[in-house]
Amino acid sequence: MRFAPIAIAIAAAACTSSPDAIRKAMDSLGATYAPPEHLPVMLNHELPFHYPDALFSQKIQANVVLGIYIDTTGMVWPESTKVLQSSGYAQLDTAAVRGAPQLKFKPAMTKGKPVPMMIKLPVYFRYPGAPPLPGDSVLEPKAAPAKTP
């Protein structure tokens, strides 16, 4: 029964729906964090981030970095989503935050069991055909092999 206080403290923190509260409860009890054996895998075929029309028409490009909490079912907790690094455009930051709850994941796994996890998620807003931003990876098409007569 010596584990009961730990379970109660963590369960009480979980009732607040705040990943920060859960983390603080675990830290206060001396629990150590171990990274999961398998990281979460995004299941969405299409990304739910909608480029704001006004910025798209201006060909504005930028990146937003979100912090999101993925629970054991692979769902993103909307109240956990935070802008960790702003794009410098409030409309892009808002579009990223609004799209995050629609993401679906295969949850992180440890010892064959799903575990909750907080991750950093970069969201890239790019205008088709515009030059890449500094730091973007650019994939060049492969050259066709030369034909021999």
Protein backbone atom coordinates (compact mmCIF):
# COMPACT_ATOMS: atom_id res chain seq x y z
CA MET A 1 0.00 0.00 0.00
CA ARG A 2 2.97 2.38 0.05
CA PHE A 3 2.28 3.29 -3.60
CA ALA A 4 -1.21 4.58 -2.83
CA PRO A 5 -0.08 8.16 -1.99
CA ILE A 6 1.80 8.34 -5.29
CA ALA A 7 -1.20 7.10 -7.28
CA ILE A 8 -3.54 9.46 -5.43
CA ALA A 9 -1.27 12.47 -5.99
CA ILE A 10 -0.87 11.73 -9.68
CA ALA A 11 -4.58 10.95 -10.11
CA ALA A 12 -5.50 14.20 -8.35
CA ALA A 13 -3.15 16.11 -10.64
CA ALA A 14 -4.63 14.33 -13.67
CA CYS A 15 -8.10 15.53 -12.69
CA THR A 16 -6.95 19.09 -13.30
CA SER A 17 -6.44 18.22 -17.01
CA SER A 18 -3.10 19.94 -16.86
CA PRO A 19 0.06 18.14 -18.02
CA ASP A 20 2.06 20.67 -15.95
CA ALA A 21 0.17 19.64 -12.82
CA ILE A 22 0.85 15.97 -13.52
CA ARG A 23 4.55 16.66 -14.10
CA LYS A 24 4.78 18.74 -10.88
CA ALA A 25 3.05 16.00 -8.89
CA MET A 26 5.46 13.39 -10.20
CA ASP A 27 8.47 15.65 -9.57
CA SER A 28 7.34 16.37 -6.02
CA LEU A 29 7.14 12.64 -5.32
CA GLY A 30 10.64 11.99 -6.60
CA ALA A 31 9.45 10.15 -9.70
CA THR A 32 11.99 10.08 -12.49
CA TYR A 33 11.09 10.54 -16.12
CA ALA A 34 12.27 7.95 -18.60
CA PRO A 35 11.72 8.55 -22.31
CA PRO A 36 9.34 6.10 -23.98
CA GLU A 37 10.71 3.17 -25.94
CA HIS A 38 8.68 4.22 -29.01
CA LEU A 39 7.75 7.80 -29.83
CA PRO A 40 4.25 8.81 -30.96
CA VAL A 41 3.48 8.43 -34.67
CA MET A 42 1.17 10.88 -36.45
CA LEU A 43 -1.75 9.12 -38.16
CA ASN A 44 -3.26 12.06 -40.09
CA HIS A 45 -3.07 11.72 -43.87
CA GLU A 46 -3.75 15.43 -44.27
CA LEU A 47 -2.55 18.08 -41.86
CA PRO A 48 -5.31 20.09 -40.15
CA PHE A 49 -3.50 23.44 -40.31
CA HIS A 50 -5.28 26.00 -42.49
CA TYR A 51 -3.16 28.75 -44.03
CA PRO A 52 -4.96 32.08 -43.33
CA ASP A 53 -6.21 33.49 -46.66
CA ALA A 54 -4.83 36.99 -46.05
CA LEU A 55 -1.30 35.71 -45.38
CA PHE A 56 -1.48 33.15 -48.19
CA SER A 57 -2.36 35.87 -50.71
CA GLN A 58 0.64 37.88 -49.47
CA LYS A 59 2.88 34.80 -49.81
CA ILE A 60 3.88 35.06 -46.14
CA GLN A 61 5.87 32.03 -45.00
CA ALA A 62 6.86 31.17 -41.44
CA ASN A 63 7.24 28.42 -38.83
CA VAL A 64 5.40 27.91 -35.55
CA VAL A 65 6.62 25.50 -32.87
CA LEU A 66 3.87 24.09 -30.66
CA GLY A 67 4.04 22.16 -27.42
CA ILE A 68 1.33 19.48 -27.40
CA TYR A 69 0.32 16.78 -24.92
CA ILE A 70 -0.58 13.40 -26.43
CA ASP A 71 -2.50 11.11 -24.10
CA THR A 72 -2.50 7.30 -23.97
CA THR A 73 -5.23 7.12 -26.64
CA GLY A 74 -3.22 9.27 -29.09
CA MET A 75 -5.46 12.32 -28.69
CA VAL A 76 -4.06 15.84 -28.29
CA TRP A 77 -5.38 17.71 -25.26
CA PRO A 78 -6.48 21.10 -26.65
CA GLU A 79 -5.87 22.88 -23.35
CA SER A 80 -2.25 21.68 -23.38
CA THR A 81 -1.37 23.25 -26.72
CA LYS A 82 1.01 26.18 -26.38
CA VAL A 83 3.03 28.26 -28.84
CA LEU A 84 6.65 27.63 -27.84
CA GLN A 85 8.10 29.63 -30.72
CA SER A 86 5.98 32.21 -32.51
CA SER A 87 6.04 32.71 -36.25
CA GLY A 88 5.84 36.44 -35.72
CA TYR A 89 2.33 36.39 -37.25
CA ALA A 90 -0.57 36.02 -34.81
CA GLN A 91 -2.79 34.55 -37.55
CA LEU A 92 -0.30 31.74 -38.28
CA ASP A 93 0.19 31.01 -34.57
CA THR A 94 -3.60 30.85 -34.11
CA ALA A 95 -4.03 28.58 -37.15
CA ALA A 96 -1.43 26.18 -35.74
CA VAL A 97 -3.06 26.09 -32.28
CA ARG A 98 -6.55 25.58 -33.77
CA GLY A 99 -5.40 22.67 -35.93
CA ALA A 100 -3.48 20.78 -33.23
CA PRO A 101 -6.51 19.13 -31.52
CA GLN A 102 -7.43 17.50 -34.84
CA LEU A 103 -4.12 15.61 -34.92
CA LYS A 104 -4.30 11.88 -34.21
CA PHE A 105 -1.36 9.79 -33.07
CA LYS A 106 -0.39 6.25 -32.31
CA PRO A 107 0.67 6.94 -28.70
CA ALA A 108 4.17 6.62 -27.34
CA MET A 109 4.83 3.13 -25.97
CA THR A 110 6.86 1.72 -23.09
CA LYS A 111 6.95 -2.00 -22.31
CA GLY A 112 4.10 -2.54 -24.75
CA LYS A 113 1.80 -0.04 -23.01
CA PRO A 114 0.76 3.40 -24.25
CA VAL A 115 2.18 6.32 -22.28
CA PRO A 116 1.29 10.02 -22.38
CA MET A 117 3.88 12.41 -23.71
CA MET A 118 4.49 16.11 -24.29
CA ILE A 119 6.21 16.90 -27.61
CA LYS A 120 7.40 19.88 -29.62
CA LEU A 121 5.67 20.02 -32.98
CA PRO A 122 6.94 22.32 -35.74
CA VAL A 123 4.26 23.63 -38.12
CA TYR A 124 5.51 25.00 -41.45
CA PHE A 125 3.44 27.42 -43.50
CA ARG A 126 4.85 27.48 -47.05
CA TYR A 127 3.56 29.15 -50.18
CA PRO A 128 3.78 26.83 -53.22
CA GLY A 129 6.55 27.89 -55.58
CA ALA A 130 7.98 30.52 -53.24
CA PRO A 131 11.69 30.40 -52.45
CA PRO A 132 12.54 28.32 -49.38
CA LEU A 133 13.20 29.98 -46.05
CA PRO A 134 16.71 29.92 -44.57
CA GLY A 135 17.18 26.53 -42.91
CA ASP A 136 14.62 24.72 -45.09
CA SER A 137 15.72 21.42 -46.55
CA VAL A 138 15.51 21.55 -50.32
CA LEU A 139 15.05 18.34 -52.25
CA GLU A 140 16.31 18.45 -55.79
CA PRO A 141 14.78 16.16 -58.41
CA LYS A 142 17.09 13.33 -59.42
CA ALA A 143 18.70 13.74 -62.79
CA ALA A 144 17.58 11.19 -65.35
CA PRO A 145 20.29 8.69 -66.19
CA ALA A 146 22.03 9.41 -69.46
CA LYS A 147 20.89 7.22 -72.34
CA THR A 148 23.58 5.28 -74.14
CA PRO A 149 23.14 4.70 -77.83
